[in-house]
Amino acid sequence: MPWLKCALELARRECFAAAEAISVCSLGVAHWILGDLTRADQLVAHSIGLLGALTDSHERIPSPVNIAEIRTSELAGRPGLRVVFEDTLQPFAEISCEAAASYALANQAAIACARGDLGRAGALLDESAARFEDAGDEAGKAAVLVRRGYLELTAGVVPSARRAA
């Protein structure tokens, strides 16, 4: 968390708008990992707004801090457990701000699902899917299908979950 906060401060200080947006999103994912779903939802939503303001700028998203590389052990000299959360951050490397906002919407849907708000999760996935469809982004559409499968599974609709997968 301190590293992500430092990255956000640097992005703001140097006026790197795309880096600021992805730093806010990364902080949201970190809160998600820690189980603070309310704060995670707020930060990811804020990042979507920041990314939305950049969609006409043609600015590219820099590679984010990889949460998978952050050590969770405080023991000196020990390798520590690596947290793997690749599904939420890896797609952001070197993509457009519009695509990043679409991935963030899919992440926000997963957070809503974890909070038990399945209706909101479905609406967020619909918005994300529409954006990916408009952009012709096959990888993004696949990411939404996976999330939709998890949503259907959570709702107990196994046949729909199988179709989405």
N, C-alpha and C. Protein backbone atom coordinates (compact mmCIF):
# COMPACT_ATOMS: atom_id res chain seq x y z
N MET A 1 0.82 -1.20 0.00
CA MET A 1 0.00 0.00 0.00
C MET A 1 0.87 1.27 0.00
N PRO A 2 1.94 1.32 0.81
CA PRO A 2 2.77 2.54 0.77
C PRO A 2 3.39 2.78 -0.61
N TRP A 3 3.78 1.72 -1.31
CA TRP A 3 4.37 1.89 -2.64
C TRP A 3 3.35 2.45 -3.62
N LEU A 4 2.13 1.94 -3.54
CA LEU A 4 1.09 2.43 -4.44
C LEU A 4 0.75 3.88 -4.15
N LYS A 5 0.74 4.25 -2.88
CA LYS A 5 0.48 5.65 -2.52
C LYS A 5 1.60 6.55 -3.02
N CYS A 6 2.84 6.08 -2.95
CA CYS A 6 3.97 6.87 -3.47
C CYS A 6 3.86 7.03 -4.99
N ALA A 7 3.44 5.97 -5.68
CA ALA A 7 3.27 6.06 -7.13
C ALA A 7 2.19 7.09 -7.48
N LEU A 8 1.12 7.11 -6.70
CA LEU A 8 0.04 8.08 -6.94
C LEU A 8 0.54 9.50 -6.69
N GLU A 9 1.27 9.70 -5.60
CA GLU A 9 1.81 11.03 -5.31
C GLU A 9 2.74 11.50 -6.42
N LEU A 10 3.59 10.61 -6.92
CA LEU A 10 4.51 10.97 -8.00
C LEU A 10 3.73 11.33 -9.27
N ALA A 11 2.74 10.54 -9.61
CA ALA A 11 1.95 10.82 -10.81
C ALA A 11 1.27 12.18 -10.70
N ARG A 12 0.73 12.47 -9.54
CA ARG A 12 0.07 13.77 -9.35
C ARG A 12 1.07 14.91 -9.41
N ARG A 13 2.20 14.74 -8.75
CA ARG A 13 3.21 15.79 -8.72
C ARG A 13 3.74 16.10 -10.11
N GLU A 14 3.94 15.05 -10.92
CA GLU A 14 4.49 15.23 -12.26
C GLU A 14 3.42 15.43 -13.33
N CYS A 15 2.15 15.49 -12.93
CA CYS A 15 1.02 15.71 -13.84
C CYS A 15 0.91 14.64 -14.92
N PHE A 16 1.14 13.38 -14.53
CA PHE A 16 0.96 12.25 -15.44
C PHE A 16 -0.45 11.71 -15.22
N ALA A 17 -1.39 12.21 -15.99
CA ALA A 17 -2.81 11.92 -15.76
C ALA A 17 -3.13 10.43 -15.90
N ALA A 18 -2.60 9.75 -16.92
CA ALA A 18 -2.88 8.33 -17.08
C ALA A 18 -2.28 7.52 -15.93
N ALA A 19 -1.07 7.89 -15.53
CA ALA A 19 -0.44 7.20 -14.41
C ALA A 19 -1.22 7.44 -13.11
N GLU A 20 -1.78 8.62 -12.96
CA GLU A 20 -2.61 8.90 -11.78
C GLU A 20 -3.83 7.99 -11.78
N ALA A 21 -4.47 7.87 -12.93
CA ALA A 21 -5.68 7.04 -13.02
C ALA A 21 -5.37 5.59 -12.71
N ILE A 22 -4.29 5.06 -13.26
CA ILE A 22 -3.97 3.66 -13.01
C ILE A 22 -3.49 3.46 -11.58
N SER A 23 -2.86 4.46 -10.98
CA SER A 23 -2.46 4.37 -9.57
C SER A 23 -3.68 4.31 -8.67
N VAL A 24 -4.69 5.10 -8.97
CA VAL A 24 -5.93 5.07 -8.19
C VAL A 24 -6.58 3.69 -8.33
N CYS A 25 -6.60 3.16 -9.55
CA CYS A 25 -7.17 1.84 -9.78
C CYS A 25 -6.37 0.78 -9.02
N SER A 26 -5.06 0.87 -9.06
CA SER A 26 -4.21 -0.09 -8.34
C SER A 26 -4.46 -0.05 -6.84
N LEU A 27 -4.65 1.14 -6.31
CA LEU A 27 -5.00 1.26 -4.89
C LEU A 27 -6.35 0.59 -4.62
N GLY A 28 -7.28 0.74 -5.54
CA GLY A 28 -8.57 0.07 -5.40
C GLY A 28 -8.42 -1.44 -5.36
N VAL A 29 -7.59 -1.97 -6.24
CA VAL A 29 -7.35 -3.41 -6.27
C VAL A 29 -6.68 -3.85 -4.97
N ALA A 30 -5.77 -3.05 -4.46
CA ALA A 30 -5.11 -3.38 -3.19
C ALA A 30 -6.13 -3.45 -2.05
N HIS A 31 -7.05 -2.50 -2.03
CA HIS A 31 -8.10 -2.53 -1.00
C HIS A 31 -9.00 -3.76 -1.19
N TRP A 32 -9.23 -4.14 -2.44
CA TRP A 32 -10.01 -5.33 -2.75
C TRP A 32 -9.32 -6.56 -2.17
N ILE A 33 -8.01 -6.67 -2.40
CA ILE A 33 -7.24 -7.79 -1.87
C ILE A 33 -7.33 -7.84 -0.35
N LEU A 34 -7.33 -6.67 0.28
CA LEU A 34 -7.39 -6.59 1.74
C LEU A 34 -8.80 -6.81 2.29
N GLY A 35 -9.77 -6.90 1.41
CA GLY A 35 -11.14 -7.15 1.84
C GLY A 35 -11.96 -5.90 2.11
N ASP A 36 -11.40 -4.73 1.85
CA ASP A 36 -12.13 -3.47 2.04
C ASP A 36 -12.87 -3.14 0.74
N LEU A 37 -13.99 -3.82 0.53
CA LEU A 37 -14.71 -3.72 -0.73
C LEU A 37 -15.33 -2.35 -0.96
N THR A 38 -15.74 -1.68 0.11
CA THR A 38 -16.33 -0.35 -0.03
C THR A 38 -15.30 0.62 -0.58
N ARG A 39 -14.13 0.65 0.02
CA ARG A 39 -13.07 1.56 -0.45
C ARG A 39 -12.59 1.15 -1.84
N ALA A 40 -12.50 -0.16 -2.09
CA ALA A 40 -12.10 -0.64 -3.41
C ALA A 40 -13.05 -0.13 -4.47
N ASP A 41 -14.34 -0.24 -4.21
CA ASP A 41 -15.35 0.22 -5.16
C ASP A 41 -15.22 1.71 -5.41
N GLN A 42 -15.01 2.49 -4.36
CA GLN A 42 -14.87 3.94 -4.51
C GLN A 42 -13.66 4.30 -5.37
N LEU A 43 -12.53 3.66 -5.10
CA LEU A 43 -11.31 3.98 -5.84
C LEU A 43 -11.39 3.55 -7.29
N VAL A 44 -11.93 2.36 -7.55
CA VAL A 44 -12.05 1.92 -8.94
C VAL A 44 -13.01 2.83 -9.70
N ALA A 45 -14.11 3.22 -9.06
CA ALA A 45 -15.05 4.16 -9.70
C ALA A 45 -14.35 5.48 -10.00
N HIS A 46 -13.56 5.97 -9.06
CA HIS A 46 -12.83 7.22 -9.28
C HIS A 46 -11.86 7.07 -10.46
N SER A 47 -11.19 5.92 -10.55
CA SER A 47 -10.25 5.71 -11.65
C SER A 47 -10.98 5.68 -12.99
N ILE A 48 -12.19 5.13 -13.01
CA ILE A 48 -12.97 5.11 -14.25
C ILE A 48 -13.28 6.54 -14.70
N GLY A 49 -13.62 7.39 -13.75
CA GLY A 49 -13.85 8.80 -14.07
C GLY A 49 -12.60 9.48 -14.60
N LEU A 50 -11.47 9.22 -13.96
CA LEU A 50 -10.21 9.80 -14.43
C LEU A 50 -9.85 9.31 -15.82
N LEU A 51 -10.02 8.01 -16.05
CA LEU A 51 -9.73 7.45 -17.37
C LEU A 51 -10.69 7.98 -18.42
N GLY A 52 -11.95 8.15 -18.04
CA GLY A 52 -12.94 8.69 -18.97
C GLY A 52 -12.60 10.09 -19.44
N ALA A 53 -11.98 10.86 -18.57
CA ALA A 53 -11.58 12.22 -18.95
C ALA A 53 -10.41 12.21 -19.93
N LEU A 54 -9.76 11.07 -20.07
CA LEU A 54 -8.58 10.99 -20.94
C LEU A 54 -8.84 10.27 -22.25
N THR A 55 -10.05 9.82 -22.50
CA THR A 55 -10.29 8.97 -23.66
C THR A 55 -10.01 9.66 -24.99
N ASP A 56 -10.11 10.96 -25.04
CA ASP A 56 -9.82 11.67 -26.30
C ASP A 56 -8.36 12.13 -26.39
N SER A 57 -7.58 11.86 -25.35
CA SER A 57 -6.21 12.38 -25.34
C SER A 57 -5.22 11.48 -26.06
N HIS A 58 -5.60 10.24 -26.36
CA HIS A 58 -4.71 9.26 -26.99
C HIS A 58 -3.50 8.94 -26.12
N GLU A 59 -3.59 9.29 -24.85
CA GLU A 59 -2.52 8.94 -23.91
C GLU A 59 -2.60 7.45 -23.64
N ARG A 60 -1.44 6.80 -23.55
CA ARG A 60 -1.41 5.37 -23.29
C ARG A 60 -1.19 5.14 -21.80
N ILE A 61 -1.68 4.01 -21.33
CA ILE A 61 -1.52 3.65 -19.93
C ILE A 61 -0.13 3.04 -19.74
N PRO A 62 0.64 3.57 -18.79
CA PRO A 62 1.95 2.96 -18.52
C PRO A 62 1.75 1.63 -17.80
N SER A 63 2.76 0.79 -17.87
CA SER A 63 2.68 -0.47 -17.13
C SER A 63 2.53 -0.16 -15.65
N PRO A 64 1.54 -0.75 -15.00
CA PRO A 64 1.31 -0.45 -13.59
C PRO A 64 2.27 -1.21 -12.68
N VAL A 65 2.32 -0.80 -11.43
CA VAL A 65 3.02 -1.58 -10.44
C VAL A 65 2.34 -2.93 -10.39
N ASN A 66 3.10 -4.00 -10.46
CA ASN A 66 2.51 -5.33 -10.47
C ASN A 66 2.32 -5.81 -9.04
N ILE A 67 1.06 -5.88 -8.62
CA ILE A 67 0.78 -6.30 -7.25
C ILE A 67 1.31 -7.70 -6.99
N ALA A 68 1.45 -8.52 -8.03
CA ALA A 68 1.98 -9.87 -7.85
C ALA A 68 3.41 -9.84 -7.34
N GLU A 69 4.10 -8.73 -7.51
CA GLU A 69 5.49 -8.65 -7.07
C GLU A 69 5.65 -8.03 -5.69
N ILE A 70 4.58 -7.58 -5.08
CA ILE A 70 4.66 -6.97 -3.76
C ILE A 70 4.68 -8.07 -2.72
N ARG A 71 5.67 -8.05 -1.89
CA ARG A 71 5.81 -9.09 -0.87
C ARG A 71 4.88 -8.77 0.30
N THR A 72 4.22 -9.81 0.78
CA THR A 72 3.29 -9.60 1.88
C THR A 72 3.89 -9.98 3.22
N SER A 73 5.12 -10.47 3.23
CA SER A 73 5.77 -10.86 4.48
C SER A 73 6.64 -9.73 4.98
N GLU A 74 6.58 -9.47 6.26
CA GLU A 74 7.40 -8.43 6.87
C GLU A 74 8.68 -8.99 7.46
N LEU A 75 8.88 -10.30 7.33
CA LEU A 75 10.03 -10.95 7.93
C LEU A 75 11.29 -10.69 7.10
N ALA A 76 12.30 -10.11 7.73
CA ALA A 76 13.55 -9.80 7.03
C ALA A 76 14.22 -11.09 6.60
N GLY A 77 14.71 -11.09 5.38
CA GLY A 77 15.44 -12.25 4.88
C GLY A 77 14.58 -13.38 4.38
N ARG A 78 13.28 -13.27 4.52
CA ARG A 78 12.36 -14.30 4.05
C ARG A 78 11.77 -13.88 2.71
N PRO A 79 11.56 -14.83 1.81
CA PRO A 79 11.04 -14.45 0.50
C PRO A 79 9.63 -13.89 0.54
N GLY A 80 8.80 -14.33 1.46
CA GLY A 80 7.43 -13.81 1.56
C GLY A 80 6.51 -14.41 0.51
N LEU A 81 5.25 -14.37 0.79
CA LEU A 81 4.23 -14.89 -0.11
C LEU A 81 3.95 -13.86 -1.19
N ARG A 82 3.89 -14.30 -2.41
CA ARG A 82 3.56 -13.39 -3.51
C ARG A 82 2.06 -13.46 -3.79
N VAL A 83 1.44 -12.31 -3.85
CA VAL A 83 0.01 -12.25 -4.12
C VAL A 83 -0.18 -12.16 -5.63
N VAL A 84 -0.94 -13.07 -6.17
CA VAL A 84 -1.16 -13.08 -7.61
C VAL A 84 -2.56 -12.55 -7.88
N PHE A 85 -2.60 -11.42 -8.57
CA PHE A 85 -3.87 -10.80 -8.89
C PHE A 85 -3.81 -10.31 -10.33
N GLU A 86 -3.19 -11.13 -11.16
CA GLU A 86 -2.89 -10.77 -12.53
C GLU A 86 -4.13 -10.39 -13.33
N ASP A 87 -5.24 -11.05 -13.08
CA ASP A 87 -6.44 -10.85 -13.88
C ASP A 87 -6.94 -9.41 -13.83
N THR A 88 -6.65 -8.71 -12.74
CA THR A 88 -7.19 -7.35 -12.62
C THR A 88 -6.25 -6.27 -13.11
N LEU A 89 -4.95 -6.55 -13.17
CA LEU A 89 -4.02 -5.48 -13.54
C LEU A 89 -3.29 -5.71 -14.86
N GLN A 90 -3.00 -6.94 -15.19
CA GLN A 90 -2.19 -7.21 -16.38
C GLN A 90 -2.75 -6.58 -17.64
N PRO A 91 -4.06 -6.55 -17.85
CA PRO A 91 -4.58 -5.98 -19.10
C PRO A 91 -4.26 -4.51 -19.28
N PHE A 92 -3.88 -3.80 -18.21
CA PHE A 92 -3.65 -2.37 -18.33
C PHE A 92 -2.34 -2.00 -19.02
N ALA A 93 -1.42 -2.94 -19.18
CA ALA A 93 -0.11 -2.59 -19.72
C ALA A 93 -0.22 -2.15 -21.18
N GLU A 94 0.11 -0.89 -21.42
CA GLU A 94 0.22 -0.34 -22.77
C GLU A 94 -1.08 -0.42 -23.58
N ILE A 95 -2.17 0.04 -22.99
CA ILE A 95 -3.44 0.09 -23.71
C ILE A 95 -3.97 1.52 -23.66
N SER A 96 -5.04 1.74 -24.37
CA SER A 96 -5.64 3.07 -24.38
C SER A 96 -6.38 3.33 -23.08
N CYS A 97 -6.64 4.59 -22.81
CA CYS A 97 -7.40 4.96 -21.61
C CYS A 97 -8.82 4.43 -21.69
N GLU A 98 -9.41 4.41 -22.86
CA GLU A 98 -10.77 3.88 -23.03
C GLU A 98 -10.80 2.39 -22.69
N ALA A 99 -9.83 1.63 -23.18
CA ALA A 99 -9.77 0.20 -22.86
C ALA A 99 -9.54 0.00 -21.36
N ALA A 100 -8.69 0.81 -20.77
CA ALA A 100 -8.43 0.71 -19.33
C ALA A 100 -9.69 0.97 -18.53
N ALA A 101 -10.49 1.96 -18.95
CA ALA A 101 -11.75 2.24 -18.26
C ALA A 101 -12.70 1.05 -18.38
N SER A 102 -12.68 0.38 -19.52
CA SER A 102 -13.54 -0.78 -19.72
C SER A 102 -13.13 -1.93 -18.83
N TYR A 103 -11.81 -2.16 -18.70
CA TYR A 103 -11.33 -3.20 -17.77
C TYR A 103 -11.67 -2.82 -16.33
N ALA A 104 -11.54 -1.55 -16.00
CA ALA A 104 -11.86 -1.12 -14.64
C ALA A 104 -13.34 -1.34 -14.33
N LEU A 105 -14.19 -1.13 -15.33
CA LEU A 105 -15.62 -1.41 -15.14
C LEU A 105 -15.85 -2.90 -14.84
N ALA A 106 -15.13 -3.77 -15.55
CA ALA A 106 -15.25 -5.21 -15.28
C ALA A 106 -14.76 -5.53 -13.87
N ASN A 107 -13.69 -4.87 -13.43
CA ASN A 107 -13.20 -5.05 -12.06
C ASN A 107 -14.24 -4.56 -11.06
N GLN A 108 -14.84 -3.41 -11.34
CA GLN A 108 -15.85 -2.87 -10.44
C GLN A 108 -17.05 -3.82 -10.36
N ALA A 109 -17.37 -4.48 -11.46
CA ALA A 109 -18.45 -5.47 -11.45
C ALA A 109 -18.10 -6.63 -10.53
N ALA A 110 -16.85 -7.07 -10.56
CA ALA A 110 -16.43 -8.16 -9.69
C ALA A 110 -16.50 -7.74 -8.22
N ILE A 111 -16.17 -6.50 -7.93
CA ILE A 111 -16.28 -5.98 -6.56
C ILE A 111 -17.75 -5.95 -6.14
N ALA A 112 -18.63 -5.48 -7.03
CA ALA A 112 -20.06 -5.45 -6.73
C ALA A 112 -20.59 -6.86 -6.48
N CYS A 113 -20.11 -7.81 -7.25
CA CYS A 113 -20.51 -9.21 -7.07
C CYS A 113 -20.06 -9.70 -5.69
N ALA A 114 -18.83 -9.39 -5.32
CA ALA A 114 -18.31 -9.80 -4.01
C ALA A 114 -19.10 -9.16 -2.88
N ARG A 115 -19.64 -7.98 -3.13
CA ARG A 115 -20.46 -7.28 -2.12
C ARG A 115 -21.89 -7.80 -2.11
N GLY A 116 -22.22 -8.69 -3.04
CA GLY A 116 -23.57 -9.25 -3.09
C GLY A 116 -24.55 -8.44 -3.90
N ASP A 117 -24.09 -7.42 -4.60
CA ASP A 117 -24.95 -6.58 -5.43
C ASP A 117 -24.91 -7.09 -6.87
N LEU A 118 -25.59 -8.21 -7.11
CA LEU A 118 -25.51 -8.88 -8.40
C LEU A 118 -26.14 -8.09 -9.53
N GLY A 119 -27.20 -7.35 -9.24
CA GLY A 119 -27.82 -6.51 -10.26
C GLY A 119 -26.88 -5.43 -10.76
N ARG A 120 -26.22 -4.77 -9.83
CA ARG A 120 -25.25 -3.73 -10.21
C ARG A 120 -24.08 -4.35 -10.96
N ALA A 121 -23.63 -5.52 -10.51
CA ALA A 121 -22.52 -6.20 -11.19
C ALA A 121 -22.88 -6.49 -12.64
N GLY A 122 -24.11 -6.95 -12.87
CA GLY A 122 -24.55 -7.23 -14.24
C GLY A 122 -24.59 -5.98 -15.10
N ALA A 123 -25.07 -4.88 -14.52
CA ALA A 123 -25.13 -3.62 -15.27
C ALA A 123 -23.73 -3.12 -15.62
N LEU A 124 -22.81 -3.24 -14.68
CA LEU A 124 -21.42 -2.81 -14.96
C LEU A 124 -20.78 -3.69 -16.04
N LEU A 125 -21.06 -4.98 -16.00
CA LEU A 125 -20.53 -5.87 -17.04
C LEU A 125 -21.14 -5.53 -18.40
N ASP A 126 -22.42 -5.19 -18.41
CA ASP A 126 -23.06 -4.79 -19.67
C ASP A 126 -22.37 -3.56 -20.25
N GLU A 127 -22.08 -2.58 -19.40
CA GLU A 127 -21.41 -1.37 -19.87
C GLU A 127 -20.01 -1.67 -20.37
N SER A 128 -19.29 -2.50 -19.62
CA SER A 128 -17.94 -2.88 -20.04
C SER A 128 -17.98 -3.62 -21.37
N ALA A 129 -18.89 -4.58 -21.50
CA ALA A 129 -19.01 -5.36 -22.74
C ALA A 129 -19.33 -4.46 -23.92
N ALA A 130 -20.22 -3.49 -23.73
CA ALA A 130 -20.59 -2.58 -24.82
C ALA A 130 -19.38 -1.77 -25.28
N ARG A 131 -18.60 -1.31 -24.32
CA ARG A 131 -17.41 -0.53 -24.68
C ARG A 131 -16.41 -1.38 -25.46
N PHE A 132 -16.21 -2.62 -25.00
CA PHE A 132 -15.28 -3.51 -25.71
C PHE A 132 -15.81 -3.86 -27.09
N GLU A 133 -17.12 -4.05 -27.21
CA GLU A 133 -17.73 -4.35 -28.50
C GLU A 133 -17.52 -3.18 -29.45
N ASP A 134 -17.77 -1.96 -29.00
CA ASP A 134 -17.57 -0.77 -29.83
C ASP A 134 -16.12 -0.64 -30.29
N ALA A 135 -15.20 -1.03 -29.43
CA ALA A 135 -13.77 -0.93 -29.75
C ALA A 135 -13.26 -2.12 -30.54
N GLY A 136 -14.08 -3.18 -30.66
CA GLY A 136 -13.62 -4.38 -31.35
C GLY A 136 -12.50 -5.08 -30.59
N ASP A 137 -12.51 -4.97 -29.28
CA ASP A 137 -11.45 -5.51 -28.42
C ASP A 137 -11.82 -6.93 -28.00
N GLU A 138 -11.25 -7.93 -28.69
CA GLU A 138 -11.59 -9.32 -28.42
C GLU A 138 -11.12 -9.77 -27.04
N ALA A 139 -9.94 -9.36 -26.61
CA ALA A 139 -9.43 -9.74 -25.29
C ALA A 139 -10.33 -9.17 -24.19
N GLY A 140 -10.77 -7.94 -24.37
CA GLY A 140 -11.68 -7.33 -23.41
C GLY A 140 -13.02 -8.04 -23.35
N LYS A 141 -13.54 -8.40 -24.53
CA LYS A 141 -14.82 -9.12 -24.55
C LYS A 141 -14.68 -10.47 -23.84
N ALA A 142 -13.54 -11.12 -24.01
CA ALA A 142 -13.30 -12.40 -23.33
C ALA A 142 -13.23 -12.20 -21.82
N ALA A 143 -12.58 -11.13 -21.38
CA ALA A 143 -12.49 -10.85 -19.94
C ALA A 143 -13.87 -10.65 -19.33
N VAL A 144 -14.75 -9.98 -20.06
CA VAL A 144 -16.11 -9.76 -19.58
C VAL A 144 -16.88 -11.08 -19.52
N LEU A 145 -16.69 -11.94 -20.50
CA LEU A 145 -17.36 -13.24 -20.48
C LEU A 145 -16.96 -14.05 -19.25
N VAL A 146 -15.68 -14.01 -18.90
CA VAL A 146 -15.22 -14.72 -17.70
C VAL A 146 -15.89 -14.15 -16.47
N ARG A 147 -15.91 -12.82 -16.36
CA ARG A 147 -16.56 -12.18 -15.21
C ARG A 147 -18.06 -12.50 -15.17
N ARG A 148 -18.69 -12.53 -16.35
CA ARG A 148 -20.12 -12.84 -16.40
C ARG A 148 -20.35 -14.29 -15.93
N GLY A 149 -19.46 -15.18 -16.29
CA GLY A 149 -19.56 -16.56 -15.83
C GLY A 149 -19.49 -16.65 -14.31
N TYR A 150 -18.57 -15.91 -13.71
CA TYR A 150 -18.47 -15.87 -12.24
C TYR A 150 -19.75 -15.29 -11.62
N LEU A 151 -20.27 -14.26 -12.26
CA LEU A 151 -21.50 -13.64 -11.75
C LEU A 151 -22.66 -14.64 -11.79
N GLU A 152 -22.81 -15.33 -12.91
CA GLU A 152 -23.89 -16.31 -13.04
C GLU A 152 -23.70 -17.46 -12.04
N LEU A 153 -22.47 -17.87 -11.83
CA LEU A 153 -22.18 -18.92 -10.86
C LEU A 153 -22.55 -18.47 -9.45
N THR A 154 -22.20 -17.22 -9.12
CA THR A 154 -22.55 -16.67 -7.82
C THR A 154 -24.06 -16.63 -7.63
N ALA A 155 -24.78 -16.32 -8.71
CA ALA A 155 -26.24 -16.25 -8.65
C ALA A 155 -26.88 -17.64 -8.65
N GLY A 156 -26.06 -18.67 -8.84
CA GLY A 156 -26.58 -20.03 -8.84
C GLY A 156 -27.18 -20.47 -10.15
N VAL A 157 -26.88 -19.76 -11.23
CA VAL A 157 -27.41 -20.08 -12.55
C VAL A 157 -26.31 -20.80 -13.33
N VAL A 158 -26.15 -22.08 -13.01
CA VAL A 158 -25.03 -22.86 -13.56
C VAL A 158 -25.08 -22.97 -15.07
N PRO A 159 -26.23 -23.21 -15.71
CA PRO A 159 -26.24 -23.29 -17.18
C PRO A 159 -25.72 -22.01 -17.84
N SER A 160 -26.13 -20.85 -17.32
CA SER A 160 -25.65 -19.57 -17.88
C SER A 160 -24.15 -19.40 -17.63
N ALA A 161 -23.69 -19.84 -16.47
CA ALA A 161 -22.27 -19.75 -16.16
C ALA A 161 -21.47 -20.59 -17.14
N ARG A 162 -21.98 -21.78 -17.46
CA ARG A 162 -21.28 -22.64 -18.43
C ARG A 162 -21.24 -21.99 -19.81
N ARG A 163 -22.34 -21.38 -20.23
CA ARG A 163 -22.38 -20.72 -21.54
C ARG A 163 -21.39 -19.56 -21.59
N ALA A 164 -21.29 -18.80 -20.51
CA ALA A 164 -20.39 -17.65 -20.48
C ALA A 164 -18.93 -18.10 -20.51
N ALA A 165 -18.64 -19.21 -19.86
CA ALA A 165 -17.26 -19.71 -19.82
C ALA A 165 -16.90 -20.29 -21.15
